[in-house]
């Protein structure tokens, strides 16, 4: 009963934020959500996923920096934007998370086409497919055509995760273990910061070094690429596994835009159709945008024509 109440509260918060009156957004902008300056980076299309709003792990302030600095014609929210699983367990919704939602609304209001493809953590939004909330279109999936004519299938990717499809209870256990790892991560990096050491991601290390984790990532990527091939497209853009990657898999361009818990990455399309994984952690570290949260992680940037 408590879990159901928390989920209803999460849905109400999301719906309330998505239907905020313009005056509410304007007030938030005047308090610093918009930042006051003009965007310094312009792209044709931007993909972000796995924000996990509603969890302590969400890097909401860094995300706000990104949304202030970046302008695009189309913005895809590729799932796990609001973490309903975590909100069922424990309510967590600070002002910065509201600010992110309101900033997304403002982008839509100013003419950016915003599409929301729900994931497994915000699966409650799948009840509202083909509905429009404050200019944000909720869709099951999407086919995007790049400026150079390539067709990309947009999906969160959880439907190709064998653990979620075959044993959802195990996925919830894994989610709990991941949250525990993030807490340990924060503690370790707090100590590292005292000694002047850079951010180090324990969970990313495990993904790269633990044999079963490496196999899981590889199996997921290949399963998504196979489905993209069946659909007759040139490539696929997804999220879900919190691992930014762009590579060719048997002739299919596989793109994962990463997450905003650890990687702080987005996939962007330039005016000529060129795709790039934009590492916002490195942008912040380079000083071209204000650093608003300590210990921001970085993932490697990749470009593929």
Protein backbone atom coordinates (compact mmCIF):
# COMPACT_ATOMS: atom_id res chain seq x y z
CA UNK A 1 0.00 0.00 0.00
CA UNK A 2 2.86 2.37 0.85
CA UNK A 3 4.58 1.51 -2.42
CA UNK A 4 1.43 2.24 -4.44
CA UNK A 5 1.02 5.55 -2.64
CA UNK A 6 4.63 6.52 -3.40
CA UNK A 7 4.21 5.64 -7.08
CA UNK A 8 1.01 7.70 -7.28
CA UNK A 9 2.87 10.56 -5.66
CA UNK A 10 5.69 10.20 -8.23
CA UNK A 11 3.21 10.26 -11.09
CA UNK A 12 1.44 13.26 -9.56
CA UNK A 13 4.74 15.13 -9.18
CA UNK A 14 5.66 14.40 -12.80
CA UNK A 15 2.23 15.36 -14.07
CA UNK A 16 2.19 18.48 -11.92
CA UNK A 17 5.58 19.57 -13.19
CA UNK A 18 4.62 18.84 -16.79
CA UNK A 19 1.49 20.96 -16.51
CA UNK A 20 3.03 23.85 -14.59
CA UNK A 21 1.60 27.27 -15.37
CA UNK A 22 3.90 29.55 -17.39
CA UNK A 23 4.20 31.87 -14.39
CA UNK A 24 5.60 28.98 -12.36
CA UNK A 25 8.30 28.36 -14.97
CA UNK A 26 9.07 32.07 -15.27
CA UNK A 27 9.56 32.34 -11.51
CA UNK A 28 11.91 29.36 -11.58
CA UNK A 29 13.85 30.91 -14.49
CA UNK A 30 14.26 34.16 -12.57
CA UNK A 31 15.71 32.16 -9.69
CA UNK A 32 18.45 30.68 -11.82
CA UNK A 33 17.04 27.70 -13.73
CA UNK A 34 17.77 29.40 -17.04
CA UNK A 35 21.06 30.94 -16.06
CA UNK A 36 20.46 34.20 -17.92
CA UNK A 37 22.94 33.60 -20.78
CA UNK A 38 22.52 32.43 -24.35
CA UNK A 39 23.30 28.77 -25.17
CA UNK A 40 26.89 28.38 -26.34
CA UNK A 41 26.49 25.00 -28.09
CA UNK A 42 24.03 24.39 -30.89
CA UNK A 43 23.13 21.01 -32.35
CA UNK A 44 20.53 19.63 -34.70
CA UNK A 45 19.50 16.85 -32.30
CA UNK A 46 20.33 15.82 -28.72
CA UNK A 47 19.64 12.51 -26.96
CA UNK A 48 19.84 12.10 -23.17
CA UNK A 49 18.61 9.28 -20.94
CA UNK A 50 18.78 7.77 -17.48
CA UNK A 51 18.53 11.04 -15.57
CA UNK A 52 16.95 9.18 -12.64
CA UNK A 53 15.24 12.22 -11.21
CA UNK A 54 13.97 11.26 -7.76
CA UNK A 55 17.23 9.67 -6.63
CA UNK A 56 20.22 11.10 -4.71
CA UNK A 57 22.48 9.84 -7.51
CA UNK A 58 20.99 12.16 -10.14
CA UNK A 59 23.47 14.90 -11.09
CA UNK A 60 20.72 17.49 -11.48
CA UNK A 61 22.92 20.59 -11.20
CA UNK A 62 25.31 19.36 -13.88
CA UNK A 63 22.30 18.50 -16.04
CA UNK A 64 20.96 22.03 -15.61
CA UNK A 65 24.34 23.40 -16.74
CA UNK A 66 24.08 21.20 -19.82
CA UNK A 67 20.51 22.25 -20.61
CA UNK A 68 21.42 25.95 -20.24
CA UNK A 69 24.45 25.69 -22.53
CA UNK A 70 22.97 23.46 -25.24
CA UNK A 71 20.36 24.38 -27.82
CA UNK A 72 18.86 21.98 -30.36
CA UNK A 73 15.99 21.56 -32.80
CA UNK A 74 14.96 18.17 -31.37
CA UNK A 75 15.57 16.72 -27.91
CA UNK A 76 14.95 13.04 -27.14
CA UNK A 77 14.50 11.89 -23.53
CA UNK A 78 15.36 8.22 -23.96
CA UNK A 79 13.87 6.71 -20.81
CA UNK A 80 14.44 6.50 -17.05
CA UNK A 81 13.92 10.22 -16.73
CA UNK A 82 11.98 9.89 -13.45
CA UNK A 83 12.90 6.93 -11.24
CA UNK A 84 9.58 5.47 -10.13
CA UNK A 85 11.30 2.42 -8.65
CA UNK A 86 13.32 4.52 -6.20
CA UNK A 87 10.39 6.80 -5.37
CA UNK A 88 8.35 3.73 -4.41
CA UNK A 89 10.99 2.85 -1.84
CA UNK A 90 11.78 6.30 -0.50
CA UNK A 91 10.53 9.76 -1.46
CA UNK A 92 13.25 12.10 -2.72
CA UNK A 93 12.48 15.17 -4.84
CA UNK A 94 14.64 18.28 -4.19
CA UNK A 95 14.10 21.62 -5.92
CA UNK A 96 16.89 20.96 -8.45
CA UNK A 97 14.87 18.03 -9.85
CA UNK A 98 11.84 20.29 -10.30
CA UNK A 99 14.12 22.80 -12.00
CA UNK A 100 15.25 20.17 -14.53
CA UNK A 101 11.64 19.35 -15.45
CA UNK A 102 10.77 23.03 -15.76
CA UNK A 103 13.84 23.68 -17.93
CA UNK A 104 12.75 20.87 -20.27
CA UNK A 105 9.29 22.42 -20.43
CA UNK A 106 10.76 25.80 -21.24
CA UNK A 107 12.78 24.33 -24.12
CA UNK A 108 9.57 22.85 -25.54
CA UNK A 109 7.76 26.14 -25.05
CA UNK A 110 10.49 27.98 -26.98
CA UNK A 111 10.13 25.74 -30.03
CA UNK A 112 12.38 22.73 -29.41
CA UNK A 113 10.62 19.45 -30.30
CA UNK A 114 10.88 17.28 -27.18
CA UNK A 115 10.08 13.55 -27.28
CA UNK A 116 9.91 11.31 -24.21
CA UNK A 117 10.43 7.57 -24.71
CA UNK A 118 9.64 5.96 -21.30
CA UNK A 119 11.95 3.33 -19.82
CA UNK A 120 11.54 0.66 -17.18
CA UNK A 121 12.07 3.03 -14.23
CA UNK A 122 9.39 5.43 -15.50
CA UNK A 123 7.18 2.76 -17.04
CA UNK A 124 4.12 4.44 -15.50
CA UNK A 125 4.42 6.98 -18.36
CA UNK A 126 3.75 4.21 -20.89
CA UNK A 127 0.08 4.62 -19.99
CA UNK A 128 0.22 8.04 -21.67
CA UNK A 129 1.72 7.16 -25.05
CA UNK A 130 0.85 9.62 -27.83
CA UNK A 131 -0.15 12.25 -25.28
CA UNK A 132 1.40 15.70 -25.09
CA UNK A 133 2.30 17.23 -21.71
CA UNK A 134 3.36 20.86 -21.84
CA UNK A 135 4.83 20.40 -25.32
CA UNK A 136 6.60 17.12 -24.48
CA UNK A 137 5.37 14.24 -26.63
CA UNK A 138 5.25 10.79 -24.99
CA UNK A 139 6.08 8.09 -27.56
CA UNK A 140 6.80 4.37 -27.42
CA UNK A 141 9.74 4.66 -29.85
CA UNK A 142 10.80 6.85 -32.77
CA UNK A 143 12.58 6.78 -36.12
CA UNK A 144 14.86 9.78 -36.56
CA UNK A 145 16.44 10.75 -39.88
CA UNK A 146 19.81 12.48 -39.61
CA UNK A 147 20.84 15.41 -41.80
CA UNK A 148 22.86 13.02 -43.99
CA UNK A 149 19.92 10.67 -44.51
CA UNK A 150 20.54 7.88 -42.00
CA UNK A 151 17.57 6.43 -40.13
CA UNK A 152 18.02 5.81 -36.40
CA UNK A 153 15.61 3.83 -34.24
CA UNK A 154 15.15 5.41 -30.79
CA UNK A 155 14.29 3.10 -27.87
CA UNK A 156 15.19 2.98 -24.18
CA UNK A 157 16.40 -0.61 -24.50
CA UNK A 158 14.94 -2.33 -21.42
CA UNK A 159 12.85 -4.65 -23.63
CA UNK A 160 16.14 -6.26 -24.71
CA UNK A 161 17.38 -6.81 -21.18
CA UNK A 162 16.91 -10.50 -20.40
CA UNK A 163 17.01 -9.91 -16.64
CA UNK A 164 14.09 -7.46 -16.73
CA UNK A 165 12.04 -9.57 -19.12
CA UNK A 166 12.61 -12.93 -17.38
CA UNK A 167 13.06 -12.02 -13.71
CA UNK A 168 11.92 -8.53 -12.83
CA UNK A 169 12.46 -9.18 -9.11
CA UNK A 170 16.14 -9.77 -9.90
CA UNK A 171 16.26 -6.44 -11.73
CA UNK A 172 14.96 -4.74 -8.57
CA UNK A 173 17.66 -6.49 -6.52
CA UNK A 174 20.25 -5.31 -9.04
CA UNK A 175 18.86 -1.78 -8.81
CA UNK A 176 19.21 -1.86 -5.02
CA UNK A 177 22.81 -3.14 -5.36
CA UNK A 178 23.57 -0.36 -7.86
CA UNK A 179 22.26 2.28 -5.43
CA UNK A 180 24.48 0.79 -2.74
CA UNK A 181 27.47 0.97 -5.09
CA UNK A 182 26.71 4.63 -5.82
CA UNK A 183 26.59 5.41 -2.09
CA UNK A 184 29.97 3.71 -1.65
CA UNK A 185 31.19 5.63 -4.69
CA UNK A 186 30.24 8.95 -3.10
CA UNK A 187 32.02 8.04 0.14
CA UNK A 188 35.20 6.91 -1.66
CA UNK A 189 35.31 10.00 -3.87
CA UNK A 190 34.76 12.28 -0.90
CA UNK A 191 37.96 10.80 0.56
CA UNK A 192 39.75 10.98 -2.80
CA UNK A 193 38.81 14.66 -3.15
CA UNK A 194 40.44 15.38 0.25
CA UNK A 195 43.71 14.01 -1.14
CA UNK A 196 43.35 15.90 -4.42
CA UNK A 197 42.61 12.77 -6.43
CA UNK A 198 40.22 12.80 -9.43
CA UNK A 199 36.81 11.13 -9.54
CA UNK A 200 36.87 7.34 -9.90
CA UNK A 201 33.75 5.32 -10.71
CA UNK A 202 33.50 1.98 -8.94
CA UNK A 203 30.47 0.83 -10.91
CA UNK A 204 32.08 1.75 -14.25
CA UNK A 205 35.21 -0.14 -13.19
CA UNK A 206 33.09 -3.20 -12.42
CA UNK A 207 31.32 -2.94 -15.80
CA UNK A 208 34.67 -2.91 -17.56
CA UNK A 209 36.48 -5.52 -15.44
CA UNK A 210 33.96 -8.07 -14.15
CA UNK A 211 33.55 -10.80 -16.77
CA UNK A 212 29.81 -11.26 -16.25
CA UNK A 213 29.16 -7.51 -16.42
CA UNK A 214 31.20 -7.20 -19.65
CA UNK A 215 29.22 -10.10 -21.12
CA UNK A 216 25.92 -8.50 -20.07
CA UNK A 217 26.78 -5.19 -21.79
CA UNK A 218 27.96 -6.99 -24.95
CA UNK A 219 24.86 -9.22 -25.10
CA UNK A 220 22.59 -6.19 -24.67
CA UNK A 221 24.33 -4.20 -27.41
CA UNK A 222 24.17 -7.08 -29.87
CA UNK A 223 20.49 -7.78 -29.11
CA UNK A 224 19.53 -4.14 -29.74
CA UNK A 225 21.60 -4.04 -32.95
CA UNK A 226 19.93 -7.24 -34.22
CA UNK A 227 16.49 -5.71 -33.70
CA UNK A 228 17.57 -2.53 -35.48
CA UNK A 229 18.70 -4.63 -38.45
CA UNK A 230 15.30 -6.35 -38.56
CA UNK A 231 13.65 -2.95 -38.72
CA UNK A 232 15.72 -1.95 -41.72
CA UNK A 233 17.33 1.14 -40.17
CA UNK A 234 20.93 2.32 -40.25
CA UNK A 235 21.36 2.50 -36.50
CA UNK A 236 19.87 2.62 -33.03
CA UNK A 237 20.03 5.08 -30.13
CA UNK A 238 19.29 3.74 -26.64
CA UNK A 239 20.18 4.12 -22.97
CA UNK A 240 19.37 1.78 -20.07
CA UNK A 241 22.79 0.29 -19.29
CA UNK A 242 24.50 3.56 -18.20
CA UNK A 243 27.41 2.97 -20.58
CA UNK A 244 28.04 5.56 -23.29
CA UNK A 245 29.20 3.89 -26.49
CA UNK A 246 29.16 4.40 -30.23
CA UNK A 247 30.33 1.65 -32.51
CA UNK A 248 29.53 -0.43 -35.55
CA UNK A 249 27.95 -3.84 -34.88
CA UNK A 250 27.80 -5.86 -38.08
CA UNK A 251 26.87 -2.85 -40.17
CA UNK A 252 24.49 -1.29 -37.63
CA UNK A 253 25.49 1.93 -35.88
CA UNK A 254 24.94 1.32 -32.16
CA UNK A 255 24.73 4.48 -30.03
CA UNK A 256 24.18 4.58 -26.28
CA UNK A 257 23.89 8.08 -24.81
CA UNK A 258 25.02 7.02 -21.31
CA UNK A 259 23.46 8.55 -18.19
CA UNK A 260 23.34 11.51 -15.79
CA UNK A 261 24.23 9.58 -12.66
CA UNK A 262 27.85 8.72 -13.47
CA UNK A 263 28.82 9.39 -17.07
CA UNK A 264 27.22 12.82 -17.64
CA UNK A 265 27.02 12.11 -21.36
CA UNK A 266 24.70 12.90 -24.25
CA UNK A 267 24.57 11.91 -27.89
CA UNK A 268 24.46 14.90 -30.23
CA UNK A 269 23.94 15.35 -33.96
CA UNK A 270 25.73 18.20 -35.71
CA UNK A 271 24.18 20.19 -38.58
CA UNK A 272 25.85 17.91 -41.16
CA UNK A 273 24.54 14.70 -39.56
CA UNK A 274 27.77 13.82 -37.75
CA UNK A 275 27.15 12.08 -34.42
CA UNK A 276 29.21 12.56 -31.27
CA UNK A 277 29.09 11.44 -27.66
CA UNK A 278 29.39 14.67 -25.69
CA UNK A 279 31.09 14.20 -22.33
CA UNK A 280 29.77 16.99 -20.09
CA UNK A 281 32.00 15.91 -17.21
CA UNK A 282 35.04 16.80 -19.31
CA UNK A 283 33.42 20.07 -20.41
CA UNK A 284 32.92 21.04 -16.76
CA UNK A 285 36.43 19.96 -15.83
CA UNK A 286 37.84 22.08 -18.68
CA UNK A 287 36.11 25.13 -17.18
CA UNK A 288 33.92 26.05 -20.16
CA UNK A 289 30.85 25.73 -17.92
CA UNK A 290 30.48 26.36 -14.17
CA UNK A 291 31.21 23.37 -11.96
CA UNK A 292 28.18 23.07 -9.70
CA UNK A 293 28.68 19.69 -8.08
CA UNK A 294 31.88 18.16 -6.69
CA UNK A 295 33.43 14.97 -7.98
CA UNK A 296 31.86 14.93 -11.44
CA UNK A 297 32.70 11.76 -13.38
CA UNK A 298 33.94 11.64 -16.95
CA UNK A 299 33.54 9.15 -19.78
CA UNK A 300 35.54 8.99 -22.97
CA UNK A 301 34.28 11.11 -25.90
CA UNK A 302 33.76 9.37 -29.21
CA UNK A 303 32.94 10.61 -32.70
CA UNK A 304 31.70 8.49 -35.57
CA UNK A 305 30.72 9.84 -38.98
